[in-house]
Amino acid sequence: MLKTGRRGDNLTPHHIPSNAFMAAKVPNYTRGIGIAMMMEHPVPGQGGRHRQTISYGQLPDISLLPRNALAREIKDARTIYRRQSLYTPEIRRSLQEVIRLNK
């Protein structure tokens, strides 16, 4: 994961698949090697797209194959951006890059 963003920018890395899933499935996995895209995550208690994701604050479904976990979380992110009329070519490319980097 590349270090991007800065404190107070209301963005946070959303790991796809989630850190918890990867830690359960990949030996020697650490958060720093996870694949992520930046998502809105404002100050605590004020919502944000990151909190809307299916994996935020949830235990991972480790019965899923990694490919299925990736597909599930990509679909979820796409749905969130579409629901808010924010699914732009840039978001589409970002999600495609997350898929490519996970392969």
PDB file of N, CA and C in Angstrom:
ATOM      1  N   MET A   1       0.847  -1.177   0.000  1.00  0.00           N
ATOM      2  CA  MET A   1       0.000   0.000   0.000  1.00  0.00           C
ATOM      3  C   MET A   1       0.888   1.233   0.000  1.00  0.00           C
ATOM      4  N   LEU A   2       0.584   2.168  -0.857  1.00  0.00           N
ATOM      5  CA  LEU A   2       1.321   3.420  -0.885  1.00  0.00           C
ATOM      6  C   LEU A   2       0.765   4.357   0.161  1.00  0.00           C
ATOM      7  N   LYS A   3       1.628   5.123   0.770  1.00  0.00           N
ATOM      8  CA  LYS A   3       1.184   6.121   1.738  1.00  0.00           C
ATOM      9  C   LYS A   3       0.637   7.320   0.967  1.00  0.00           C
ATOM     10  N   THR A   4      -0.644   7.564   1.102  1.00  0.00           N
ATOM     11  CA  THR A   4      -1.267   8.708   0.450  1.00  0.00           C
ATOM     12  C   THR A   4      -2.188   9.384   1.442  1.00  0.00           C
ATOM     13  N   GLY A   5      -2.579  10.575   1.118  1.00  0.00           N
ATOM     14  CA  GLY A   5      -3.470  11.308   2.006  1.00  0.00           C
ATOM     15  C   GLY A   5      -2.699  11.963   3.137  1.00  0.00           C
ATOM     16  N   ARG A   6      -3.451  12.696   3.924  1.00  0.00           N
ATOM     17  CA  ARG A   6      -2.851  13.372   5.065  1.00  0.00           C
ATOM     18  C   ARG A   6      -3.897  13.479   6.174  1.00  0.00           C
ATOM     19  N   ARG A   7      -3.441  13.646   7.382  1.00  0.00           N
ATOM     20  CA  ARG A   7      -4.326  13.766   8.531  1.00  0.00           C
ATOM     21  C   ARG A   7      -5.320  14.906   8.297  1.00  0.00           C
ATOM     22  N   GLY A   8      -6.591  14.634   8.546  1.00  0.00           N
ATOM     23  CA  GLY A   8      -7.623  15.658   8.415  1.00  0.00           C
ATOM     24  C   GLY A   8      -8.231  15.771   7.023  1.00  0.00           C
ATOM     25  N   ASP A   9      -7.808  14.919   6.067  1.00  0.00           N
ATOM     26  CA  ASP A   9      -8.359  15.034   4.717  1.00  0.00           C
ATOM     27  C   ASP A   9      -9.669  14.250   4.536  1.00  0.00           C
ATOM     28  N   ASN A  10     -10.141  13.608   5.610  1.00  0.00           N
ATOM     29  CA  ASN A  10     -11.383  12.831   5.604  1.00  0.00           C
ATOM     30  C   ASN A  10     -11.329  11.634   4.653  1.00  0.00           C
ATOM     31  N   LEU A  11     -10.142  11.111   4.412  1.00  0.00           N
ATOM     32  CA  LEU A  11      -9.964   9.925   3.579  1.00  0.00           C
ATOM     33  C   LEU A  11      -9.233   8.864   4.381  1.00  0.00           C
ATOM     34  N   THR A  12      -9.536   7.621   4.065  1.00  0.00           N
ATOM     35  CA  THR A  12      -8.857   6.510   4.712  1.00  0.00           C
ATOM     36  C   THR A  12      -8.707   5.379   3.710  1.00  0.00           C
ATOM     37  N   PRO A  13      -7.662   4.560   3.823  1.00  0.00           N
ATOM     38  CA  PRO A  13      -7.544   3.423   2.918  1.00  0.00           C
ATOM     39  C   PRO A  13      -8.582   2.353   3.254  1.00  0.00           C
ATOM     40  N   HIS A  14      -9.281   1.912   2.222  1.00  0.00           N
ATOM     41  CA  HIS A  14     -10.233   0.803   2.367  1.00  0.00           C
ATOM     42  C   HIS A  14      -9.576  -0.416   1.727  1.00  0.00           C
ATOM     43  N   HIS A  15      -9.172  -1.372   2.554  1.00  0.00           N
ATOM     44  CA  HIS A  15      -8.497  -2.566   2.060  1.00  0.00           C
ATOM     45  C   HIS A  15      -9.507  -3.512   1.413  1.00  0.00           C
ATOM     46  N   ILE A  16      -9.152  -3.987   0.231  1.00  0.00           N
ATOM     47  CA  ILE A  16     -10.011  -4.893  -0.531  1.00  0.00           C
ATOM     48  C   ILE A  16      -9.147  -6.051  -1.006  1.00  0.00           C
ATOM     49  N   PRO A  17      -9.396  -7.275  -0.505  1.00  0.00           N
ATOM     50  CA  PRO A  17     -10.233  -7.675   0.613  1.00  0.00           C
ATOM     51  C   PRO A  17      -9.758  -7.050   1.933  1.00  0.00           C
ATOM     52  N   SER A  18     -10.604  -7.165   2.927  1.00  0.00           N
ATOM     53  CA  SER A  18     -10.345  -6.522   4.214  1.00  0.00           C
ATOM     54  C   SER A  18      -9.063  -7.047   4.865  1.00  0.00           C
ATOM     55  N   ASN A  19      -8.485  -6.227   5.723  1.00  0.00           N
ATOM     56  CA  ASN A  19      -7.299  -6.644   6.478  1.00  0.00           C
ATOM     57  C   ASN A  19      -7.569  -7.911   7.275  1.00  0.00           C
ATOM     58  N   ALA A  20      -8.721  -7.976   7.910  1.00  0.00           N
ATOM     59  CA  ALA A  20      -9.048  -9.141   8.733  1.00  0.00           C
ATOM     60  C   ALA A  20      -9.109 -10.411   7.886  1.00  0.00           C
ATOM     61  N   PHE A  21      -9.703 -10.308   6.698  1.00  0.00           N
ATOM     62  CA  PHE A  21      -9.786 -11.467   5.801  1.00  0.00           C
ATOM     63  C   PHE A  21      -8.380 -11.906   5.384  1.00  0.00           C
ATOM     64  N   MET A  22      -7.582 -10.938   4.949  1.00  0.00           N
ATOM     65  CA  MET A  22      -6.237 -11.259   4.475  1.00  0.00           C
ATOM     66  C   MET A  22      -5.373 -11.844   5.595  1.00  0.00           C
ATOM     67  N   ALA A  23      -5.487 -11.295   6.792  1.00  0.00           N
ATOM     68  CA  ALA A  23      -4.713 -11.800   7.921  1.00  0.00           C
ATOM     69  C   ALA A  23      -5.081 -13.247   8.239  1.00  0.00           C
ATOM     70  N   ALA A  24      -6.353 -13.590   8.051  1.00  0.00           N
ATOM     71  CA  ALA A  24      -6.802 -14.954   8.328  1.00  0.00           C
ATOM     72  C   ALA A  24      -6.384 -15.928   7.222  1.00  0.00           C
ATOM     73  N   LYS A  25      -6.193 -15.429   6.019  1.00  0.00           N
ATOM     74  CA  LYS A  25      -5.940 -16.300   4.869  1.00  0.00           C
ATOM     75  C   LYS A  25      -4.488 -16.348   4.389  1.00  0.00           C
ATOM     76  N   VAL A  26      -3.733 -15.284   4.630  1.00  0.00           N
ATOM     77  CA  VAL A  26      -2.390 -15.176   4.051  1.00  0.00           C
ATOM     78  C   VAL A  26      -1.334 -15.196   5.153  1.00  0.00           C
ATOM     79  N   PRO A  27      -0.476 -16.217   5.153  1.00  0.00           N
ATOM     80  CA  PRO A  27       0.591 -16.271   6.165  1.00  0.00           C
ATOM     81  C   PRO A  27       1.489 -15.030   6.071  1.00  0.00           C
ATOM     82  N   ASN A  28       1.879 -14.510   7.200  1.00  0.00           N
ATOM     83  CA  ASN A  28       2.774 -13.353   7.300  1.00  0.00           C
ATOM     84  C   ASN A  28       2.205 -12.065   6.709  1.00  0.00           C
ATOM     85  N   TYR A  29       0.900 -12.000   6.542  1.00  0.00           N
ATOM     86  CA  TYR A  29       0.271 -10.783   6.019  1.00  0.00           C
ATOM     87  C   TYR A  29       0.377  -9.668   7.054  1.00  0.00           C
ATOM     88  N   THR A  30       0.659  -8.469   6.593  1.00  0.00           N
ATOM     89  CA  THR A  30       0.604  -7.282   7.444  1.00  0.00           C
ATOM     90  C   THR A  30      -0.183  -6.202   6.704  1.00  0.00           C
ATOM     91  N   ARG A  31      -0.783  -5.323   7.454  1.00  0.00           N
ATOM     92  CA  ARG A  31      -1.609  -4.247   6.899  1.00  0.00           C
ATOM     93  C   ARG A  31      -0.854  -3.449   5.822  1.00  0.00           C
ATOM     94  N   GLY A  32       0.436  -3.257   6.015  1.00  0.00           N
ATOM     95  CA  GLY A  32       1.226  -2.459   5.096  1.00  0.00           C
ATOM     96  C   GLY A  32       1.355  -3.026   3.698  1.00  0.00           C
ATOM     97  N   ILE A  33       1.088  -4.311   3.522  1.00  0.00           N
ATOM     98  CA  ILE A  33       1.187  -4.901   2.184  1.00  0.00           C
ATOM     99  C   ILE A  33      -0.183  -5.077   1.536  1.00  0.00           C
ATOM    100  N   GLY A  34      -1.234  -4.692   2.233  1.00  0.00           N
ATOM    101  CA  GLY A  34      -2.584  -4.843   1.711  1.00  0.00           C
ATOM    102  C   GLY A  34      -2.887  -3.885   0.573  1.00  0.00           C
ATOM    103  N   ILE A  35      -3.793  -4.292  -0.301  1.00  0.00           N
ATOM    104  CA  ILE A  35      -4.233  -3.476  -1.429  1.00  0.00           C
ATOM    105  C   ILE A  35      -5.444  -2.668  -0.973  1.00  0.00           C
ATOM    106  N   ALA A  36      -5.390  -1.357  -1.206  1.00  0.00           N
ATOM    107  CA  ALA A  36      -6.454  -0.481  -0.719  1.00  0.00           C
ATOM    108  C   ALA A  36      -6.707   0.658  -1.701  1.00  0.00           C
ATOM    109  N   MET A  37      -7.893   1.245  -1.586  1.00  0.00           N
ATOM    110  CA  MET A  37      -8.191   2.491  -2.291  1.00  0.00           C
ATOM    111  C   MET A  37      -8.685   3.479  -1.247  1.00  0.00           C
ATOM    112  N   MET A  38      -8.444   4.735  -1.488  1.00  0.00           N
ATOM    113  CA  MET A  38      -8.853   5.767  -0.537  1.00  0.00           C
ATOM    114  C   MET A  38     -10.360   5.996  -0.644  1.00  0.00           C
ATOM    115  N   MET A  39     -11.016   6.060   0.503  1.00  0.00           N
ATOM    116  CA  MET A  39     -12.457   6.317   0.562  1.00  0.00           C
ATOM    117  C   MET A  39     -12.719   7.383   1.612  1.00  0.00           C
ATOM    118  N   GLU A  40     -13.834   8.082   1.430  1.00  0.00           N
ATOM    119  CA  GLU A  40     -14.241   9.101   2.395  1.00  0.00           C
ATOM    120  C   GLU A  40     -14.510   8.450   3.747  1.00  0.00           C
ATOM    121  N   HIS A  41     -13.973   9.058   4.785  1.00  0.00           N
ATOM    122  CA  HIS A  41     -14.174   8.574   6.154  1.00  0.00           C
ATOM    123  C   HIS A  41     -14.020   9.775   7.083  1.00  0.00           C
ATOM    124  N   PRO A  42     -15.077  10.580   7.207  1.00  0.00           N
ATOM    125  CA  PRO A  42     -14.969  11.790   8.021  1.00  0.00           C
ATOM    126  C   PRO A  42     -14.803  11.485   9.508  1.00  0.00           C
ATOM    127  N   VAL A  43     -14.788  12.527  10.281  1.00  0.00           N
ATOM    128  CA  VAL A  43     -14.588  12.384  11.720  1.00  0.00           C
ATOM    129  C   VAL A  43     -15.571  11.379  12.312  1.00  0.00           C
ATOM    130  N   PRO A  44     -15.192  10.716  13.395  1.00  0.00           N
ATOM    131  CA  PRO A  44     -16.052   9.691  14.004  1.00  0.00           C
ATOM    132  C   PRO A  44     -17.483  10.165  14.239  1.00  0.00           C
ATOM    133  N   GLY A  45     -18.403   9.249  13.915  1.00  0.00           N
ATOM    134  CA  GLY A  45     -19.816   9.522  14.163  1.00  0.00           C
ATOM    135  C   GLY A  45     -20.527  10.295  13.075  1.00  0.00           C
ATOM    136  N   GLN A  46     -19.833  10.562  11.943  1.00  0.00           N
ATOM    137  CA  GLN A  46     -20.464  11.356  10.894  1.00  0.00           C
ATOM    138  C   GLN A  46     -20.594  10.614   9.572  1.00  0.00           C
ATOM    139  N   GLY A  47     -20.647   9.300   9.588  1.00  0.00           N
ATOM    140  CA  GLY A  47     -20.883   8.541   8.366  1.00  0.00           C
ATOM    141  C   GLY A  47     -19.660   8.415   7.490  1.00  0.00           C
ATOM    142  N   GLY A  48     -19.876   8.439   6.194  1.00  0.00           N
ATOM    143  CA  GLY A  48     -18.794   8.287   5.226  1.00  0.00           C
ATOM    144  C   GLY A  48     -18.901   6.978   4.478  1.00  0.00           C
ATOM    145  N   ARG A  49     -18.396   6.974   3.244  1.00  0.00           N
ATOM    146  CA  ARG A  49     -18.486   5.781   2.400  1.00  0.00           C
ATOM    147  C   ARG A  49     -17.748   4.589   3.005  1.00  0.00           C
ATOM    148  N   HIS A  50     -16.614   4.809   3.645  1.00  0.00           N
ATOM    149  CA  HIS A  50     -15.872   3.678   4.206  1.00  0.00           C
ATOM    150  C   HIS A  50     -16.720   2.915   5.215  1.00  0.00           C
ATOM    151  N   ARG A  51     -17.459   3.615   6.036  1.00  0.00           N
ATOM    152  CA  ARG A  51     -18.311   2.950   7.039  1.00  0.00           C
ATOM    153  C   ARG A  51     -19.485   2.195   6.412  1.00  0.00           C
ATOM    154  N   GLN A  52     -19.813   2.518   5.173  1.00  0.00           N
ATOM    155  CA  GLN A  52     -20.926   1.850   4.493  1.00  0.00           C
ATOM    156  C   GLN A  52     -20.527   0.512   3.874  1.00  0.00           C
ATOM    157  N   THR A  53     -19.242   0.228   3.810  1.00  0.00           N
ATOM    158  CA  THR A  53     -18.796  -1.010   3.181  1.00  0.00           C
ATOM    159  C   THR A  53     -19.191  -2.224   4.023  1.00  0.00           C
ATOM    160  N   ILE A  54     -19.372  -3.349   3.350  1.00  0.00           N
ATOM    161  CA  ILE A  54     -19.820  -4.559   4.041  1.00  0.00           C
ATOM    162  C   ILE A  54     -18.781  -5.107   5.015  1.00  0.00           C
ATOM    163  N   SER A  55     -17.525  -4.756   4.813  1.00  0.00           N
ATOM    164  CA  SER A  55     -16.492  -5.309   5.683  1.00  0.00           C
ATOM    165  C   SER A  55     -16.139  -4.407   6.858  1.00  0.00           C
ATOM    166  N   TYR A  56     -16.588  -3.167   6.845  1.00  0.00           N
ATOM    167  CA  TYR A  56     -16.209  -2.229   7.908  1.00  0.00           C
ATOM    168  C   TYR A  56     -16.747  -2.701   9.260  1.00  0.00           C
ATOM    169  N   GLY A  57     -15.847  -2.936  10.193  1.00  0.00           N
ATOM    170  CA  GLY A  57     -16.231  -3.319  11.547  1.00  0.00           C
ATOM    171  C   GLY A  57     -16.823  -4.711  11.683  1.00  0.00           C
ATOM    172  N   GLN A  58     -16.672  -5.539  10.645  1.00  0.00           N
ATOM    173  CA  GLN A  58     -17.252  -6.880  10.657  1.00  0.00           C
ATOM    174  C   GLN A  58     -16.163  -7.945  10.714  1.00  0.00           C
ATOM    175  N   LEU A  59     -16.492  -9.073  11.279  1.00  0.00           N
ATOM    176  CA  LEU A  59     -15.592 -10.215  11.212  1.00  0.00           C
ATOM    177  C   LEU A  59     -15.607 -10.743   9.787  1.00  0.00           C
ATOM    178  N   PRO A  60     -14.462 -11.186   9.270  1.00  0.00           N
ATOM    179  CA  PRO A  60     -14.424 -11.673   7.889  1.00  0.00           C
ATOM    180  C   PRO A  60     -15.087 -13.034   7.736  1.00  0.00           C
ATOM    181  N   ASP A  61     -15.628 -13.278   6.559  1.00  0.00           N
ATOM    182  CA  ASP A  61     -16.170 -14.596   6.225  1.00  0.00           C
ATOM    183  C   ASP A  61     -15.019 -15.390   5.618  1.00  0.00           C
ATOM    184  N   ILE A  62     -14.299 -16.106   6.462  1.00  0.00           N
ATOM    185  CA  ILE A  62     -13.114 -16.802   5.976  1.00  0.00           C
ATOM    186  C   ILE A  62     -13.457 -18.083   5.210  1.00  0.00           C
ATOM    187  N   SER A  63     -14.743 -18.401   5.096  1.00  0.00           N
ATOM    188  CA  SER A  63     -15.126 -19.542   4.263  1.00  0.00           C
ATOM    189  C   SER A  63     -15.045 -19.180   2.777  1.00  0.00           C
ATOM    190  N   LEU A  64     -14.986 -17.876   2.469  1.00  0.00           N
ATOM    191  CA  LEU A  64     -14.906 -17.437   1.072  1.00  0.00           C
ATOM    192  C   LEU A  64     -13.512 -17.700   0.511  1.00  0.00           C
ATOM    193  N   LEU A  65     -13.460 -18.007  -0.770  1.00  0.00           N
ATOM    194  CA  LEU A  65     -12.186 -18.039  -1.465  1.00  0.00           C
ATOM    195  C   LEU A  65     -11.726 -16.599  -1.645  1.00  0.00           C
ATOM    196  N   PRO A  66     -10.426 -16.344  -1.663  1.00  0.00           N
ATOM    197  CA  PRO A  66      -9.951 -14.968  -1.838  1.00  0.00           C
ATOM    198  C   PRO A  66     -10.543 -14.271  -3.059  1.00  0.00           C
ATOM    199  N   ARG A  67     -10.661 -14.970  -4.155  1.00  0.00           N
ATOM    200  CA  ARG A  67     -11.248 -14.399  -5.376  1.00  0.00           C
ATOM    201  C   ARG A  67     -12.685 -13.949  -5.129  1.00  0.00           C
ATOM    202  N   ASN A  68     -13.444 -14.754  -4.386  1.00  0.00           N
ATOM    203  CA  ASN A  68     -14.844 -14.403  -4.094  1.00  0.00           C
ATOM    204  C   ASN A  68     -14.939 -13.235  -3.117  1.00  0.00           C
ATOM    205  N   ALA A  69     -14.027 -13.188  -2.152  1.00  0.00           N
ATOM    206  CA  ALA A  69     -14.005 -12.054  -1.218  1.00  0.00           C
ATOM    207  C   ALA A  69     -13.685 -10.769  -1.969  1.00  0.00           C
ATOM    208  N   LEU A  70     -12.729 -10.835  -2.882  1.00  0.00           N
ATOM    209  CA  LEU A  70     -12.371  -9.679  -3.696  1.00  0.00           C
ATOM    210  C   LEU A  70     -13.572  -9.219  -4.526  1.00  0.00           C
ATOM    211  N   ALA A  71     -14.214 -10.152  -5.217  1.00  0.00           N
ATOM    212  CA  ALA A  71     -15.370  -9.815  -6.061  1.00  0.00           C
ATOM    213  C   ALA A  71     -16.497  -9.205  -5.230  1.00  0.00           C
ATOM    214  N   ARG A  72     -16.744  -9.771  -4.074  1.00  0.00           N
ATOM    215  CA  ARG A  72     -17.814  -9.286  -3.195  1.00  0.00           C
ATOM    216  C   ARG A  72     -17.550  -7.839  -2.751  1.00  0.00           C
ATOM    217  N   GLU A  73     -16.314  -7.544  -2.364  1.00  0.00           N
ATOM    218  CA  GLU A  73     -16.007  -6.201  -1.873  1.00  0.00           C
ATOM    219  C   GLU A  73     -15.899  -5.178  -2.998  1.00  0.00           C
ATOM    220  N   ILE A  74     -15.470  -5.608  -4.179  1.00  0.00           N
ATOM    221  CA  ILE A  74     -15.462  -4.704  -5.345  1.00  0.00           C
ATOM    222  C   ILE A  74     -16.899  -4.347  -5.705  1.00  0.00           C
ATOM    223  N   LYS A  75     -17.764  -5.342  -5.748  1.00  0.00           N
ATOM    224  CA  LYS A  75     -19.181  -5.098  -6.062  1.00  0.00           C
ATOM    225  C   LYS A  75     -19.793  -4.154  -5.032  1.00  0.00           C
ATOM    226  N   ASP A  76     -19.458  -4.347  -3.774  1.00  0.00           N
ATOM    227  CA  ASP A  76     -19.975  -3.503  -2.705  1.00  0.00           C
ATOM    228  C   ASP A  76     -19.535  -2.050  -2.888  1.00  0.00           C
ATOM    229  N   ALA A  77     -18.256  -1.829  -3.148  1.00  0.00           N
ATOM    230  CA  ALA A  77     -17.755  -0.465  -3.348  1.00  0.00           C
ATOM    231  C   ALA A  77     -18.429   0.177  -4.562  1.00  0.00           C
ATOM    232  N   ARG A  78     -18.553  -0.578  -5.650  1.00  0.00           N
ATOM    233  CA  ARG A  78     -19.210  -0.070  -6.860  1.00  0.00           C
ATOM    234  C   ARG A  78     -20.655   0.339  -6.557  1.00  0.00           C
ATOM    235  N   THR A  79     -21.347  -0.482  -5.800  1.00  0.00           N
ATOM    236  CA  THR A  79     -22.738  -0.185  -5.433  1.00  0.00           C
ATOM    237  C   THR A  79     -22.832   1.099  -4.615  1.00  0.00           C
ATOM    238  N   ILE A  80     -21.933   1.288  -3.674  1.00  0.00           N
ATOM    239  CA  ILE A  80     -21.924   2.498  -2.834  1.00  0.00           C
ATOM    240  C   ILE A  80     -21.735   3.738  -3.712  1.00  0.00           C
ATOM    241  N   TYR A  81     -20.756   3.697  -4.597  1.00  0.00           N
ATOM    242  CA  TYR A  81     -20.506   4.859  -5.462  1.00  0.00           C
ATOM    243  C   TYR A  81     -21.658   5.093  -6.445  1.00  0.00           C
ATOM    244  N   ARG A  82     -22.244   4.034  -6.979  1.00  0.00           N
ATOM    245  CA  ARG A  82     -23.394   4.200  -7.892  1.00  0.00           C
ATOM    246  C   ARG A  82     -24.596   4.787  -7.159  1.00  0.00           C
ATOM    247  N   ARG A  83     -24.860   4.298  -5.969  1.00  0.00           N
ATOM    248  CA  ARG A  83     -26.007   4.775  -5.186  1.00  0.00           C
ATOM    249  C   ARG A  83     -25.901   6.271  -4.926  1.00  0.00           C
ATOM    250  N   GLN A  84     -24.687   6.778  -4.820  1.00  0.00           N
ATOM    251  CA  GLN A  84     -24.472   8.196  -4.549  1.00  0.00           C
ATOM    252  C   GLN A  84     -24.175   8.987  -5.827  1.00  0.00           C
ATOM    253  N   SER A  85     -24.419   8.357  -6.972  1.00  0.00           N
ATOM    254  CA  SER A  85     -24.174   8.974  -8.292  1.00  0.00           C
ATOM    255  C   SER A  85     -22.742   9.475  -8.419  1.00  0.00           C
ATOM    256  N   LEU A  86     -21.789   8.710  -7.889  1.00  0.00           N
ATOM    257  CA  LEU A  86     -20.379   9.095  -7.913  1.00  0.00           C
ATOM    258  C   LEU A  86     -19.509   8.069  -8.629  1.00  0.00           C
ATOM    259  N   TYR A  87     -20.145   7.152  -9.348  1.00  0.00           N
ATOM    260  CA  TYR A  87     -19.375   6.108 -10.039  1.00  0.00           C
ATOM    261  C   TYR A  87     -18.842   6.672 -11.357  1.00  0.00           C
ATOM    262  N   THR A  88     -17.679   7.287 -11.256  1.00  0.00           N
ATOM    263  CA  THR A  88     -17.037   7.967 -12.382  1.00  0.00           C
ATOM    264  C   THR A  88     -16.017   7.040 -13.048  1.00  0.00           C
ATOM    265  N   PRO A  89     -15.534   7.426 -14.223  1.00  0.00           N
ATOM    266  CA  PRO A  89     -14.461   6.631 -14.839  1.00  0.00           C
ATOM    267  C   PRO A  89     -13.234   6.491 -13.919  1.00  0.00           C
ATOM    268  N   GLU A  90     -12.947   7.511 -13.123  1.00  0.00           N
ATOM    269  CA  GLU A  90     -11.810   7.438 -12.196  1.00  0.00           C
ATOM    270  C   GLU A  90     -12.043   6.367 -11.119  1.00  0.00           C
ATOM    271  N   ILE A  91     -13.248   6.305 -10.569  1.00  0.00           N
ATOM    272  CA  ILE A  91     -13.564   5.271  -9.568  1.00  0.00           C
ATOM    273  C   ILE A  91     -13.509   3.895 -10.225  1.00  0.00           C
ATOM    274  N   ARG A  92     -14.047   3.783 -11.422  1.00  0.00           N
ATOM    275  CA  ARG A  92     -14.017   2.507 -12.149  1.00  0.00           C
ATOM    276  C   ARG A  92     -12.581   2.046 -12.349  1.00  0.00           C
ATOM    277  N   ARG A  93     -11.703   2.955 -12.788  1.00  0.00           N
ATOM    278  CA  ARG A  93     -10.288   2.608 -12.976  1.00  0.00           C
ATOM    279  C   ARG A  93      -9.640   2.217 -11.656  1.00  0.00           C
ATOM    280  N   SER A  94      -9.975   2.902 -10.584  1.00  0.00           N
ATOM    281  CA  SER A  94      -9.407   2.569  -9.270  1.00  0.00           C
ATOM    282  C   SER A  94      -9.798   1.167  -8.843  1.00  0.00           C
ATOM    283  N   LEU A  95     -11.051   0.817  -9.047  1.00  0.00           N
ATOM    284  CA  LEU A  95     -11.503  -0.533  -8.687  1.00  0.00           C
ATOM    285  C   LEU A  95     -10.837  -1.587  -9.573  1.00  0.00           C
ATOM    286  N   GLN A  96     -10.670  -1.280 -10.850  1.00  0.00           N
ATOM    287  CA  GLN A  96      -9.964  -2.205 -11.745  1.00  0.00           C
ATOM    288  C   GLN A  96      -8.516  -2.384 -11.307  1.00  0.00           C
ATOM    289  N   GLU A  97      -7.896  -1.313 -10.832  1.00  0.00           N
ATOM    290  CA  GLU A  97      -6.515  -1.389 -10.353  1.00  0.00           C
ATOM    291  C   GLU A  97      -6.423  -2.246  -9.083  1.00  0.00           C
ATOM    292  N   VAL A  98      -7.399  -2.137  -8.212  1.00  0.00           N
ATOM    293  CA  VAL A  98      -7.443  -2.979  -7.012  1.00  0.00           C
ATOM    294  C   VAL A  98      -7.512  -4.449  -7.420  1.00  0.00           C
ATOM    295  N   ILE A  99      -8.330  -4.756  -8.413  1.00  0.00           N
ATOM    296  CA  ILE A  99      -8.438  -6.130  -8.901  1.00  0.00           C
ATOM    297  C   ILE A  99      -7.099  -6.585  -9.468  1.00  0.00           C
ATOM    298  N   ARG A 100      -6.496  -5.761 -10.308  1.00  0.00           N
ATOM    299  CA  ARG A 100      -5.224  -6.112 -10.944  1.00  0.00           C
ATOM    300  C   ARG A 100      -4.128  -6.365  -9.894  1.00  0.00           C
ATOM    301  N   LEU A 101      -4.039  -5.493  -8.916  1.00  0.00           N
ATOM    302  CA  LEU A 101      -3.009  -5.634  -7.890  1.00  0.00           C
ATOM    303  C   LEU A 101      -3.230  -6.861  -7.001  1.00  0.00           C
ATOM    304  N   ASN A 102      -4.457  -7.281  -6.848  1.00  0.00           N
ATOM    305  CA  ASN A 102      -4.742  -8.474  -6.040  1.00  0.00           C
ATOM    306  C   ASN A 102      -4.423  -9.775  -6.769  1.00  0.00           C
ATOM    307  N   LYS A 103      -4.277  -9.723  -8.080  1.00  0.00           N
ATOM    308  CA  LYS A 103      -4.001 -10.958  -8.831  1.00  0.00           C
ATOM    309  C   LYS A 103      -2.615 -11.389  -8.633  1.00  0.00           C
TER     310      LYS A 103
END
